[in-house]
Amino acid sequence: VSDQGAINLVNQAKSAIMSMRSSSAEATMLRDLLDPASKRAVANVIDSLIRCNGIVDTMEVYLRQKFWALLGLPDEPLPPRSDED
């Protein structure tokens, strides 16, 4: 996801959130409106954020599972960083 693409997605979400009362509507919007490639891109960003400090804790794994489910993606193990063997 490019920086501009991420900025655009955040801006769209912010404007949609202004009229919403909970994040479940936002999650439904992402699940229903994003194409499969975009869902996978969001999931990849989540995975990168989890791995960025080199420590994966149980809360991160739990939240990852929740976000993946909200996106309608099947649960998969967190892949290793590309520099890990």
PDB file of N, CA and C in Angstrom:
ATOM      1  N   VAL A   1       0.860  -1.168   0.000  1.00  0.00           N
ATOM      2  CA  VAL A   1       0.000   0.000   0.000  1.00  0.00           C
ATOM      3  C   VAL A   1       0.900   1.223   0.000  1.00  0.00           C
ATOM      4  N   SER A   2       0.675   2.111  -0.944  1.00  0.00           N
ATOM      5  CA  SER A   2       1.480   3.333  -0.998  1.00  0.00           C
ATOM      6  C   SER A   2       1.072   4.274   0.126  1.00  0.00           C
ATOM      7  N   ASP A   3       1.946   5.226   0.431  1.00  0.00           N
ATOM      8  CA  ASP A   3       1.620   6.217   1.461  1.00  0.00           C
ATOM      9  C   ASP A   3       0.352   6.981   1.094  1.00  0.00           C
ATOM     10  N   GLN A   4       0.241   7.369  -0.158  1.00  0.00           N
ATOM     11  CA  GLN A   4      -0.938   8.123  -0.586  1.00  0.00           C
ATOM     12  C   GLN A   4      -2.182   7.263  -0.505  1.00  0.00           C
ATOM     13  N   GLY A   5      -2.066   5.987  -0.863  1.00  0.00           N
ATOM     14  CA  GLY A   5      -3.206   5.084  -0.758  1.00  0.00           C
ATOM     15  C   GLY A   5      -3.659   4.919   0.679  1.00  0.00           C
ATOM     16  N   ALA A   6      -2.700   4.807   1.590  1.00  0.00           N
ATOM     17  CA  ALA A   6      -3.038   4.696   3.011  1.00  0.00           C
ATOM     18  C   ALA A   6      -3.697   5.975   3.518  1.00  0.00           C
ATOM     19  N   ILE A   7      -3.190   7.121   3.118  1.00  0.00           N
ATOM     20  CA  ILE A   7      -3.771   8.404   3.520  1.00  0.00           C
ATOM     21  C   ILE A   7      -5.199   8.515   3.010  1.00  0.00           C
ATOM     22  N   ASN A   8      -5.418   8.120   1.766  1.00  0.00           N
ATOM     23  CA  ASN A   8      -6.767   8.172   1.194  1.00  0.00           C
ATOM     24  C   ASN A   8      -7.720   7.256   1.956  1.00  0.00           C
ATOM     25  N   LEU A   9      -7.254   6.051   2.286  1.00  0.00           N
ATOM     26  CA  LEU A   9      -8.090   5.104   3.020  1.00  0.00           C
ATOM     27  C   LEU A   9      -8.434   5.645   4.406  1.00  0.00           C
ATOM     28  N   VAL A  10      -7.460   6.221   5.095  1.00  0.00           N
ATOM     29  CA  VAL A  10      -7.705   6.807   6.419  1.00  0.00           C
ATOM     30  C   VAL A  10      -8.695   7.964   6.318  1.00  0.00           C
ATOM     31  N   ASN A  11      -8.535   8.811   5.326  1.00  0.00           N
ATOM     32  CA  ASN A  11      -9.452   9.946   5.156  1.00  0.00           C
ATOM     33  C   ASN A  11     -10.870   9.475   4.867  1.00  0.00           C
ATOM     34  N   GLN A  12     -11.018   8.440   4.041  1.00  0.00           N
ATOM     35  CA  GLN A  12     -12.345   7.890   3.765  1.00  0.00           C
ATOM     36  C   GLN A  12     -12.957   7.322   5.036  1.00  0.00           C
ATOM     37  N   ALA A  13     -12.151   6.607   5.800  1.00  0.00           N
ATOM     38  CA  ALA A  13     -12.655   6.013   7.044  1.00  0.00           C
ATOM     39  C   ALA A  13     -13.050   7.102   8.035  1.00  0.00           C
ATOM     40  N   LYS A  14     -12.237   8.152   8.149  1.00  0.00           N
ATOM     41  CA  LYS A  14     -12.561   9.242   9.078  1.00  0.00           C
ATOM     42  C   LYS A  14     -13.887   9.897   8.728  1.00  0.00           C
ATOM     43  N   SER A  15     -14.111  10.164   7.459  1.00  0.00           N
ATOM     44  CA  SER A  15     -15.362  10.816   7.085  1.00  0.00           C
ATOM     45  C   SER A  15     -16.556   9.891   7.305  1.00  0.00           C
ATOM     46  N   ALA A  16     -16.366   8.591   7.096  1.00  0.00           N
ATOM     47  CA  ALA A  16     -17.454   7.643   7.335  1.00  0.00           C
ATOM     48  C   ALA A  16     -17.715   7.475   8.833  1.00  0.00           C
ATOM     49  N   ILE A  17     -16.666   7.518   9.624  1.00  0.00           N
ATOM     50  CA  ILE A  17     -16.791   7.323  11.072  1.00  0.00           C
ATOM     51  C   ILE A  17     -17.535   8.475  11.741  1.00  0.00           C
ATOM     52  N   MET A  18     -17.421   9.652  11.192  1.00  0.00           N
ATOM     53  CA  MET A  18     -18.037  10.831  11.816  1.00  0.00           C
ATOM     54  C   MET A  18     -19.526  10.618  12.099  1.00  0.00           C
ATOM     55  N   SER A  19     -20.197   9.837  11.278  1.00  0.00           N
ATOM     56  CA  SER A  19     -21.627   9.628  11.470  1.00  0.00           C
ATOM     57  C   SER A  19     -21.959   8.276  12.095  1.00  0.00           C
ATOM     58  N   MET A  20     -20.943   7.537  12.487  1.00  0.00           N
ATOM     59  CA  MET A  20     -21.170   6.213  13.056  1.00  0.00           C
ATOM     60  C   MET A  20     -21.025   6.240  14.571  1.00  0.00           C
ATOM     61  N   ARG A  21     -21.705   5.299  15.216  1.00  0.00           N
ATOM     62  CA  ARG A  21     -21.624   5.206  16.668  1.00  0.00           C
ATOM     63  C   ARG A  21     -20.659   4.134  17.146  1.00  0.00           C
ATOM     64  N   SER A  22     -20.339   3.155  16.313  1.00  0.00           N
ATOM     65  CA  SER A  22     -19.426   2.104  16.735  1.00  0.00           C
ATOM     66  C   SER A  22     -18.525   1.706  15.580  1.00  0.00           C
ATOM     67  N   SER A  23     -17.460   0.990  15.906  1.00  0.00           N
ATOM     68  CA  SER A  23     -16.529   0.574  14.863  1.00  0.00           C
ATOM     69  C   SER A  23     -17.028  -0.632  14.075  1.00  0.00           C
ATOM     70  N   SER A  24     -18.091  -1.291  14.539  1.00  0.00           N
ATOM     71  CA  SER A  24     -18.586  -2.449  13.799  1.00  0.00           C
ATOM     72  C   SER A  24     -19.102  -2.044  12.422  1.00  0.00           C
ATOM     73  N   ALA A  25     -19.695  -0.873  12.329  1.00  0.00           N
ATOM     74  CA  ALA A  25     -20.159  -0.397  11.019  1.00  0.00           C
ATOM     75  C   ALA A  25     -18.969  -0.133  10.102  1.00  0.00           C
ATOM     76  N   GLU A  26     -17.889   0.404  10.659  1.00  0.00           N
ATOM     77  CA  GLU A  26     -16.685   0.644   9.877  1.00  0.00           C
ATOM     78  C   GLU A  26     -16.102  -0.688   9.398  1.00  0.00           C
ATOM     79  N   ALA A  27     -16.052  -1.648  10.294  1.00  0.00           N
ATOM     80  CA  ALA A  27     -15.524  -2.961   9.918  1.00  0.00           C
ATOM     81  C   ALA A  27     -16.370  -3.590   8.827  1.00  0.00           C
ATOM     82  N   THR A  28     -17.678  -3.475   8.940  1.00  0.00           N
ATOM     83  CA  THR A  28     -18.568  -4.008   7.909  1.00  0.00           C
ATOM     84  C   THR A  28     -18.320  -3.309   6.578  1.00  0.00           C
ATOM     85  N   MET A  29     -18.106  -2.001   6.639  1.00  0.00           N
ATOM     86  CA  MET A  29     -17.833  -1.241   5.425  1.00  0.00           C
ATOM     87  C   MET A  29     -16.553  -1.750   4.758  1.00  0.00           C
ATOM     88  N   LEU A  30     -15.497  -1.952   5.554  1.00  0.00           N
ATOM     89  CA  LEU A  30     -14.251  -2.454   4.985  1.00  0.00           C
ATOM     90  C   LEU A  30     -14.440  -3.844   4.396  1.00  0.00           C
ATOM     91  N   ARG A  31     -15.139  -4.713   5.104  1.00  0.00           N
ATOM     92  CA  ARG A  31     -15.369  -6.074   4.620  1.00  0.00           C
ATOM     93  C   ARG A  31     -16.173  -6.066   3.326  1.00  0.00           C
ATOM     94  N   ASP A  32     -17.197  -5.212   3.262  1.00  0.00           N
ATOM     95  CA  ASP A  32     -18.108  -5.231   2.119  1.00  0.00           C
ATOM     96  C   ASP A  32     -17.601  -4.441   0.916  1.00  0.00           C
ATOM     97  N   LEU A  33     -16.803  -3.405   1.144  1.00  0.00           N
ATOM     98  CA  LEU A  33     -16.418  -2.528   0.040  1.00  0.00           C
ATOM     99  C   LEU A  33     -15.022  -2.784  -0.531  1.00  0.00           C
ATOM    100  N   LEU A  34     -14.130  -3.334   0.274  1.00  0.00           N
ATOM    101  CA  LEU A  34     -12.783  -3.562  -0.247  1.00  0.00           C
ATOM    102  C   LEU A  34     -12.751  -4.822  -1.101  1.00  0.00           C
ATOM    103  N   ASP A  35     -12.002  -4.752  -2.179  1.00  0.00           N
ATOM    104  CA  ASP A  35     -11.808  -5.934  -3.007  1.00  0.00           C
ATOM    105  C   ASP A  35     -10.819  -6.867  -2.296  1.00  0.00           C
ATOM    106  N   PRO A  36     -10.749  -8.135  -2.697  1.00  0.00           N
ATOM    107  CA  PRO A  36      -9.871  -9.086  -2.011  1.00  0.00           C
ATOM    108  C   PRO A  36      -8.409  -8.639  -1.917  1.00  0.00           C
ATOM    109  N   ALA A  37      -7.893  -8.021  -2.962  1.00  0.00           N
ATOM    110  CA  ALA A  37      -6.495  -7.569  -2.935  1.00  0.00           C
ATOM    111  C   ALA A  37      -6.292  -6.470  -1.891  1.00  0.00           C
ATOM    112  N   SER A  38      -7.257  -5.571  -1.763  1.00  0.00           N
ATOM    113  CA  SER A  38      -7.160  -4.497  -0.769  1.00  0.00           C
ATOM    114  C   SER A  38      -7.282  -5.045   0.646  1.00  0.00           C
ATOM    115  N   LYS A  39      -8.156  -6.028   0.838  1.00  0.00           N
ATOM    116  CA  LYS A  39      -8.269  -6.671   2.153  1.00  0.00           C
ATOM    117  C   LYS A  39      -6.937  -7.307   2.534  1.00  0.00           C
ATOM    118  N   ARG A  40      -6.330  -7.986   1.576  1.00  0.00           N
ATOM    119  CA  ARG A  40      -5.041  -8.635   1.828  1.00  0.00           C
ATOM    120  C   ARG A  40      -3.968  -7.577   2.124  1.00  0.00           C
ATOM    121  N   ALA A  41      -4.028  -6.434   1.439  1.00  0.00           N
ATOM    122  CA  ALA A  41      -3.060  -5.367   1.680  1.00  0.00           C
ATOM    123  C   ALA A  41      -3.209  -4.824   3.104  1.00  0.00           C
ATOM    124  N   VAL A  42      -4.449  -4.625   3.559  1.00  0.00           N
ATOM    125  CA  VAL A  42      -4.688  -4.165   4.930  1.00  0.00           C
ATOM    126  C   VAL A  42      -4.160  -5.208   5.912  1.00  0.00           C
ATOM    127  N   ALA A  43      -4.420  -6.481   5.649  1.00  0.00           N
ATOM    128  CA  ALA A  43      -3.932  -7.556   6.511  1.00  0.00           C
ATOM    129  C   ALA A  43      -2.405  -7.578   6.555  1.00  0.00           C
ATOM    130  N   ASN A  44      -1.767  -7.337   5.435  1.00  0.00           N
ATOM    131  CA  ASN A  44      -0.302  -7.304   5.389  1.00  0.00           C
ATOM    132  C   ASN A  44       0.257  -6.156   6.214  1.00  0.00           C
ATOM    133  N   VAL A  45      -0.430  -5.006   6.196  1.00  0.00           N
ATOM    134  CA  VAL A  45      -0.006  -3.870   7.016  1.00  0.00           C
ATOM    135  C   VAL A  45      -0.118  -4.232   8.492  1.00  0.00           C
ATOM    136  N   ILE A  46      -1.214  -4.882   8.872  1.00  0.00           N
ATOM    137  CA  ILE A  46      -1.392  -5.324  10.261  1.00  0.00           C
ATOM    138  C   ILE A  46      -0.257  -6.265  10.650  1.00  0.00           C
ATOM    139  N   ASP A  47       0.072  -7.219   9.797  1.00  0.00           N
ATOM    140  CA  ASP A  47       1.151  -8.153  10.087  1.00  0.00           C
ATOM    141  C   ASP A  47       2.488  -7.431  10.229  1.00  0.00           C
ATOM    142  N   SER A  48       2.741  -6.463   9.375  1.00  0.00           N
ATOM    143  CA  SER A  48       3.991  -5.705   9.447  1.00  0.00           C
ATOM    144  C   SER A  48       4.085  -4.927  10.754  1.00  0.00           C
ATOM    145  N   LEU A  49       2.973  -4.351  11.168  1.00  0.00           N
ATOM    146  CA  LEU A  49       2.960  -3.609  12.433  1.00  0.00           C
ATOM    147  C   LEU A  49       3.242  -4.534  13.617  1.00  0.00           C
ATOM    148  N   ILE A  50       2.674  -5.720  13.581  1.00  0.00           N
ATOM    149  CA  ILE A  50       2.893  -6.676  14.667  1.00  0.00           C
ATOM    150  C   ILE A  50       4.362  -7.088  14.738  1.00  0.00           C
ATOM    151  N   ARG A  51       4.972  -7.314  13.603  1.00  0.00           N
ATOM    152  CA  ARG A  51       6.348  -7.812  13.573  1.00  0.00           C
ATOM    153  C   ARG A  51       7.402  -6.725  13.712  1.00  0.00           C
ATOM    154  N   CYS A  52       7.029  -5.460  13.625  1.00  0.00           N
ATOM    155  CA  CYS A  52       8.020  -4.385  13.507  1.00  0.00           C
ATOM    156  C   CYS A  52       8.994  -4.298  14.677  1.00  0.00           C
ATOM    157  N   ASN A  53       8.572  -4.625  15.890  1.00  0.00           N
ATOM    158  CA  ASN A  53       9.497  -4.532  17.019  1.00  0.00           C
ATOM    159  C   ASN A  53      10.169  -5.858  17.354  1.00  0.00           C
ATOM    160  N   GLY A  54       9.872  -6.894  16.576  1.00  0.00           N
ATOM    161  CA  GLY A  54      10.496  -8.186  16.786  1.00  0.00           C
ATOM    162  C   GLY A  54       9.870  -9.024  17.887  1.00  0.00           C
ATOM    163  N   ILE A  55       8.842  -8.499  18.540  1.00  0.00           N
ATOM    164  CA  ILE A  55       8.168  -9.217  19.624  1.00  0.00           C
ATOM    165  C   ILE A  55       6.703  -9.368  19.260  1.00  0.00           C
ATOM    166  N   VAL A  56       6.212 -10.588  19.275  1.00  0.00           N
ATOM    167  CA  VAL A  56       4.797 -10.853  18.997  1.00  0.00           C
ATOM    168  C   VAL A  56       4.172 -11.350  20.291  1.00  0.00           C
ATOM    169  N   ASP A  57       3.252 -10.558  20.851  1.00  0.00           N
ATOM    170  CA  ASP A  57       2.622 -10.989  22.105  1.00  0.00           C
ATOM    171  C   ASP A  57       1.205 -11.497  21.852  1.00  0.00           C
ATOM    172  N   THR A  58       0.623 -12.083  22.873  1.00  0.00           N
ATOM    173  CA  THR A  58      -0.687 -12.720  22.712  1.00  0.00           C
ATOM    174  C   THR A  58      -1.789 -11.720  22.374  1.00  0.00           C
ATOM    175  N   MET A  59      -1.707 -10.502  22.877  1.00  0.00           N
ATOM    176  CA  MET A  59      -2.721  -9.499  22.557  1.00  0.00           C
ATOM    177  C   MET A  59      -2.661  -9.137  21.079  1.00  0.00           C
ATOM    178  N   GLU A  60      -1.464  -9.027  20.540  1.00  0.00           N
ATOM    179  CA  GLU A  60      -1.319  -8.736  19.110  1.00  0.00           C
ATOM    180  C   GLU A  60      -1.910  -9.865  18.267  1.00  0.00           C
ATOM    181  N   VAL A  61      -1.659 -11.093  18.674  1.00  0.00           N
ATOM    182  CA  VAL A  61      -2.198 -12.244  17.945  1.00  0.00           C
ATOM    183  C   VAL A  61      -3.726 -12.236  18.018  1.00  0.00           C
ATOM    184  N   TYR A  62      -4.268 -11.948  19.196  1.00  0.00           N
ATOM    185  CA  TYR A  62      -5.721 -11.878  19.375  1.00  0.00           C
ATOM    186  C   TYR A  62      -6.330 -10.789  18.490  1.00  0.00           C
ATOM    187  N   LEU A  63      -5.759  -9.593  18.534  1.00  0.00           N
ATOM    188  CA  LEU A  63      -6.290  -8.488  17.722  1.00  0.00           C
ATOM    189  C   LEU A  63      -6.147  -8.777  16.229  1.00  0.00           C
ATOM    190  N   ARG A  64      -5.057  -9.422  15.857  1.00  0.00           N
ATOM    191  CA  ARG A  64      -4.870  -9.797  14.453  1.00  0.00           C
ATOM    192  C   ARG A  64      -6.000 -10.722  14.003  1.00  0.00           C
ATOM    193  N   GLN A  65      -6.318 -11.723  14.825  1.00  0.00           N
ATOM    194  CA  GLN A  65      -7.401 -12.635  14.481  1.00  0.00           C
ATOM    195  C   GLN A  65      -8.723 -11.886  14.337  1.00  0.00           C
ATOM    196  N   LYS A  66      -8.979 -10.935  15.229  1.00  0.00           N
ATOM    197  CA  LYS A  66     -10.218 -10.141  15.161  1.00  0.00           C
ATOM    198  C   LYS A  66     -10.268  -9.311  13.884  1.00  0.00           C
ATOM    199  N   PHE A  67      -9.163  -8.622  13.568  1.00  0.00           N
ATOM    200  CA  PHE A  67      -9.144  -7.802  12.359  1.00  0.00           C
ATOM    201  C   PHE A  67      -9.297  -8.654  11.106  1.00  0.00           C
ATOM    202  N   TRP A  68      -8.638  -9.805  11.080  1.00  0.00           N
ATOM    203  CA  TRP A  68      -8.764 -10.675   9.917  1.00  0.00           C
ATOM    204  C   TRP A  68     -10.202 -11.140   9.763  1.00  0.00           C
ATOM    205  N   ALA A  69     -10.842 -11.498  10.874  1.00  0.00           N
ATOM    206  CA  ALA A  69     -12.241 -11.935  10.815  1.00  0.00           C
ATOM    207  C   ALA A  69     -13.133 -10.792  10.343  1.00  0.00           C
ATOM    208  N   LEU A  70     -12.875  -9.573  10.834  1.00  0.00           N
ATOM    209  CA  LEU A  70     -13.669  -8.410  10.405  1.00  0.00           C
ATOM    210  C   LEU A  70     -13.529  -8.160   8.905  1.00  0.00           C
ATOM    211  N   LEU A  71     -12.348  -8.446   8.372  1.00  0.00           N
ATOM    212  CA  LEU A  71     -12.123  -8.278   6.935  1.00  0.00           C
ATOM    213  C   LEU A  71     -12.683  -9.448   6.125  1.00  0.00           C
ATOM    214  N   GLY A  72     -13.127 -10.498   6.812  1.00  0.00           N
ATOM    215  CA  GLY A  72     -13.652 -11.667   6.118  1.00  0.00           C
ATOM    216  C   GLY A  72     -12.560 -12.566   5.565  1.00  0.00           C
ATOM    217  N   LEU A  73     -11.357 -12.473   6.148  1.00  0.00           N
ATOM    218  CA  LEU A  73     -10.237 -13.298   5.698  1.00  0.00           C
ATOM    219  C   LEU A  73     -10.106 -14.528   6.590  1.00  0.00           C
ATOM    220  N   PRO A  74      -9.674 -15.663   6.021  1.00  0.00           N
ATOM    221  CA  PRO A  74      -9.474 -16.853   6.845  1.00  0.00           C
ATOM    222  C   PRO A  74      -8.279 -16.655   7.774  1.00  0.00           C
ATOM    223  N   ASP A  75      -8.356 -17.241   8.965  1.00  0.00           N
ATOM    224  CA  ASP A  75      -7.253 -17.142   9.914  1.00  0.00           C
ATOM    225  C   ASP A  75      -6.059 -17.915   9.378  1.00  0.00           C
ATOM    226  N   GLU A  76      -4.914 -17.277   9.376  1.00  0.00           N
ATOM    227  CA  GLU A  76      -3.671 -17.889   8.928  1.00  0.00           C
ATOM    228  C   GLU A  76      -2.598 -17.553   9.951  1.00  0.00           C
ATOM    229  N   PRO A  77      -1.585 -18.393  10.091  1.00  0.00           N
ATOM    230  CA  PRO A  77      -0.496 -18.060  11.007  1.00  0.00           C
ATOM    231  C   PRO A  77       0.229 -16.798  10.541  1.00  0.00           C
ATOM    232  N   LEU A  78       0.748 -16.059  11.490  1.00  0.00           N
ATOM    233  CA  LEU A  78       1.547 -14.874  11.172  1.00  0.00           C
ATOM    234  C   LEU A  78       2.820 -15.337  10.487  1.00  0.00           C
ATOM    235  N   PRO A  79       3.052 -14.905   9.248  1.00  0.00           N
ATOM    236  CA  PRO A  79       4.272 -15.344   8.557  1.00  0.00           C
ATOM    237  C   PRO A  79       5.497 -14.683   9.164  1.00  0.00           C
ATOM    238  N   PRO A  80       6.647 -15.327   9.053  1.00  0.00           N
ATOM    239  CA  PRO A  80       7.877 -14.705   9.564  1.00  0.00           C
ATOM    240  C   PRO A  80       8.255 -13.489   8.737  1.00  0.00           C
ATOM    241  N   ARG A  81       9.050 -12.615   9.344  1.00  0.00           N
ATOM    242  CA  ARG A  81       9.572 -11.475   8.582  1.00  0.00           C
ATOM    243  C   ARG A  81      10.414 -12.004   7.434  1.00  0.00           C
ATOM    244  N   SER A  82      10.525 -11.228   6.380  1.00  0.00           N
ATOM    245  CA  SER A  82      11.266 -11.684   5.205  1.00  0.00           C
ATOM    246  C   SER A  82      12.753 -11.874   5.506  1.00  0.00           C
ATOM    247  N   ASP A  83      13.269 -11.219   6.558  1.00  0.00           N
ATOM    248  CA  ASP A  83      14.679 -11.372   6.902  1.00  0.00           C
ATOM    249  C   ASP A  83      14.917 -12.474   7.937  1.00  0.00           C
ATOM    250  N   GLU A  84      13.830 -13.194   8.323  1.00  0.00           N
ATOM    251  CA  GLU A  84      13.946 -14.304   9.260  1.00  0.00           C
ATOM    252  C   GLU A  84      13.997 -15.628   8.491  1.00  0.00           C
ATOM    253  N   ASP A  85      14.757 -16.542   8.989  1.00  0.00           N
ATOM    254  CA  ASP A  85      14.825 -17.873   8.347  1.00  0.00           C
ATOM    255  C   ASP A  85      14.276 -18.924   9.267  1.00  0.00           C
TER     256      ASP A  85
END
